[in-house]
Amino acid sequence: MKHFVVTLEFTGTSMGQEVSAAQAAFVHRLYNKTALVLAGPFDDGEGGMAVLRCDSLEQAEKLYRDSPVIRSGHATFKVREWKVLLGEI
């Protein structure tokens, strides 16, 4: 299994409680499926990051494309493969 880093950049429009709740449920589902290792917002409030465990870049992109903040247009995302050299996750 490979690791992928997803970076989110918020578009600046307020996403509201409904999208925020849907996003929280989305990341919990990914975590429970063991595809999600870590996730959270950046302290400056302008985006966030997630670390996924998947077989391919395409799979990681497909997983996060279904994110409520992406589908609603409140954020853009980029996925990059991350080669972990030290430590365990």
C-alpha atoms as a PDB file:
ATOM      1  CA  MET A   1       0.000   0.000   0.000  1.00  0.00           C
ATOM      2  CA  LYS A   2       1.223   3.510  -0.833  1.00  0.00           C
ATOM      3  CA  HIS A   3       0.694   6.803   0.976  1.00  0.00           C
ATOM      4  CA  PHE A   4      -0.766   9.930  -0.585  1.00  0.00           C
ATOM      5  CA  VAL A   5      -1.025  13.485   0.702  1.00  0.00           C
ATOM      6  CA  VAL A   6      -4.170  15.412  -0.153  1.00  0.00           C
ATOM      7  CA  THR A   7      -3.971  19.175   0.208  1.00  0.00           C
ATOM      8  CA  LEU A   8      -7.165  21.210   0.218  1.00  0.00           C
ATOM      9  CA  GLU A   9      -7.359  24.910  -0.508  1.00  0.00           C
ATOM     10  CA  PHE A  10     -10.602  26.640   0.422  1.00  0.00           C
ATOM     11  CA  THR A  11     -12.096  28.893  -2.244  1.00  0.00           C
ATOM     12  CA  GLY A  12     -13.027  31.627   0.225  1.00  0.00           C
ATOM     13  CA  THR A  13     -16.769  31.104   0.240  1.00  0.00           C
ATOM     14  CA  SER A  14     -18.356  30.162   3.537  1.00  0.00           C
ATOM     15  CA  MET A  15     -19.316  26.498   3.407  1.00  0.00           C
ATOM     16  CA  GLY A  16     -21.920  26.556   6.165  1.00  0.00           C
ATOM     17  CA  GLN A  17     -22.856  23.989   8.768  1.00  0.00           C
ATOM     18  CA  GLU A  18     -24.375  21.459   6.350  1.00  0.00           C
ATOM     19  CA  VAL A  19     -21.218  21.092   4.240  1.00  0.00           C
ATOM     20  CA  SER A  20     -18.998  21.107   7.355  1.00  0.00           C
ATOM     21  CA  ALA A  21     -21.034  18.293   8.920  1.00  0.00           C
ATOM     22  CA  ALA A  22     -21.020  16.317   5.667  1.00  0.00           C
ATOM     23  CA  GLN A  23     -17.239  16.740   5.398  1.00  0.00           C
ATOM     24  CA  ALA A  24     -16.752  15.517   8.975  1.00  0.00           C
ATOM     25  CA  ALA A  25     -18.885  12.438   8.227  1.00  0.00           C
ATOM     26  CA  PHE A  26     -16.923  11.853   5.003  1.00  0.00           C
ATOM     27  CA  VAL A  27     -13.511  11.835   6.707  1.00  0.00           C
ATOM     28  CA  HIS A  28     -14.839   9.578   9.491  1.00  0.00           C
ATOM     29  CA  ARG A  29     -16.075   7.075   6.883  1.00  0.00           C
ATOM     30  CA  LEU A  30     -12.665   7.063   5.157  1.00  0.00           C
ATOM     31  CA  TYR A  31     -10.950   6.613   8.513  1.00  0.00           C
ATOM     32  CA  ASN A  32     -13.206   3.701   9.432  1.00  0.00           C
ATOM     33  CA  LYS A  33     -12.414   2.066   6.076  1.00  0.00           C
ATOM     34  CA  THR A  34      -8.684   2.476   6.951  1.00  0.00           C
ATOM     35  CA  ALA A  35      -8.049   4.509   3.786  1.00  0.00           C
ATOM     36  CA  LEU A  36      -7.530   7.664   5.857  1.00  0.00           C
ATOM     37  CA  VAL A  37      -4.517   7.858   8.164  1.00  0.00           C
ATOM     38  CA  LEU A  38      -4.580  11.530   9.252  1.00  0.00           C
ATOM     39  CA  ALA A  39      -6.722  14.557   8.420  1.00  0.00           C
ATOM     40  CA  GLY A  40      -7.331  18.076   9.618  1.00  0.00           C
ATOM     41  CA  PRO A  41      -7.464  21.768   8.793  1.00  0.00           C
ATOM     42  CA  PHE A  42      -4.482  24.082   8.700  1.00  0.00           C
ATOM     43  CA  ASP A  43      -4.290  26.501  11.605  1.00  0.00           C
ATOM     44  CA  ASP A  44      -4.686  29.518   9.299  1.00  0.00           C
ATOM     45  CA  GLY A  45      -8.137  28.295   8.189  1.00  0.00           C
ATOM     46  CA  GLU A  46      -7.270  28.394   4.492  1.00  0.00           C
ATOM     47  CA  GLY A  47      -7.289  24.672   3.809  1.00  0.00           C
ATOM     48  CA  GLY A  48      -6.370  21.314   5.177  1.00  0.00           C
ATOM     49  CA  MET A  49      -4.496  18.101   4.602  1.00  0.00           C
ATOM     50  CA  ALA A  50      -5.141  14.388   4.665  1.00  0.00           C
ATOM     51  CA  VAL A  51      -2.883  11.356   4.386  1.00  0.00           C
ATOM     52  CA  LEU A  52      -4.442   8.410   2.580  1.00  0.00           C
ATOM     53  CA  ARG A  53      -3.351   4.801   2.272  1.00  0.00           C
ATOM     54  CA  CYS A  54      -4.290   3.500  -1.204  1.00  0.00           C
ATOM     55  CA  ASP A  55      -3.020   1.330  -4.024  1.00  0.00           C
ATOM     56  CA  SER A  56      -2.696   4.106  -6.608  1.00  0.00           C
ATOM     57  CA  LEU A  57      -2.805   7.831  -7.231  1.00  0.00           C
ATOM     58  CA  GLU A  58      -5.988   7.346  -9.239  1.00  0.00           C
ATOM     59  CA  GLN A  59      -7.674   5.595  -6.321  1.00  0.00           C
ATOM     60  CA  ALA A  60      -6.665   8.374  -3.903  1.00  0.00           C
ATOM     61  CA  GLU A  61      -7.935  11.055  -6.296  1.00  0.00           C
ATOM     62  CA  LYS A  62     -11.220   9.223  -6.776  1.00  0.00           C
ATOM     63  CA  LEU A  63     -11.722   8.879  -3.019  1.00  0.00           C
ATOM     64  CA  TYR A  64     -11.217  12.572  -2.333  1.00  0.00           C
ATOM     65  CA  ARG A  65     -13.150  13.772  -5.377  1.00  0.00           C
ATOM     66  CA  ASP A  66     -16.268  12.611  -3.480  1.00  0.00           C
ATOM     67  CA  SER A  67     -15.452  14.929  -0.570  1.00  0.00           C
ATOM     68  CA  PRO A  68     -18.384  17.258   0.214  1.00  0.00           C
ATOM     69  CA  VAL A  69     -16.149  20.359   0.222  1.00  0.00           C
ATOM     70  CA  ILE A  70     -14.901  19.449  -3.268  1.00  0.00           C
ATOM     71  CA  ARG A  71     -18.319  18.536  -4.682  1.00  0.00           C
ATOM     72  CA  SER A  72     -19.820  21.758  -3.316  1.00  0.00           C
ATOM     73  CA  GLY A  73     -17.054  23.906  -4.841  1.00  0.00           C
ATOM     74  CA  HIS A  74     -15.831  25.197  -1.466  1.00  0.00           C
ATOM     75  CA  ALA A  75     -12.336  23.782  -1.972  1.00  0.00           C
ATOM     76  CA  THR A  76      -9.923  22.529  -4.572  1.00  0.00           C
ATOM     77  CA  PHE A  77      -7.569  19.629  -3.965  1.00  0.00           C
ATOM     78  CA  LYS A  78      -4.304  18.135  -5.072  1.00  0.00           C
ATOM     79  CA  VAL A  79      -3.087  14.594  -4.424  1.00  0.00           C
ATOM     80  CA  ARG A  80       0.576  13.620  -4.402  1.00  0.00           C
ATOM     81  CA  GLU A  81       2.250  10.317  -3.645  1.00  0.00           C
ATOM     82  CA  TRP A  82       4.323  10.502  -0.471  1.00  0.00           C
ATOM     83  CA  LYS A  83       7.289   8.213  -0.010  1.00  0.00           C
ATOM     84  CA  VAL A  84       7.646   7.732   3.741  1.00  0.00           C
ATOM     85  CA  LEU A  85      11.344   7.350   4.552  1.00  0.00           C
ATOM     86  CA  LEU A  86      11.283   7.453   8.325  1.00  0.00           C
ATOM     87  CA  GLY A  87       8.630   6.508  10.857  1.00  0.00           C
ATOM     88  CA  GLU A  88       5.497   4.463  10.673  1.00  0.00           C
ATOM     89  CA  ILE A  89       1.930   5.397   9.905  1.00  0.00           C
END
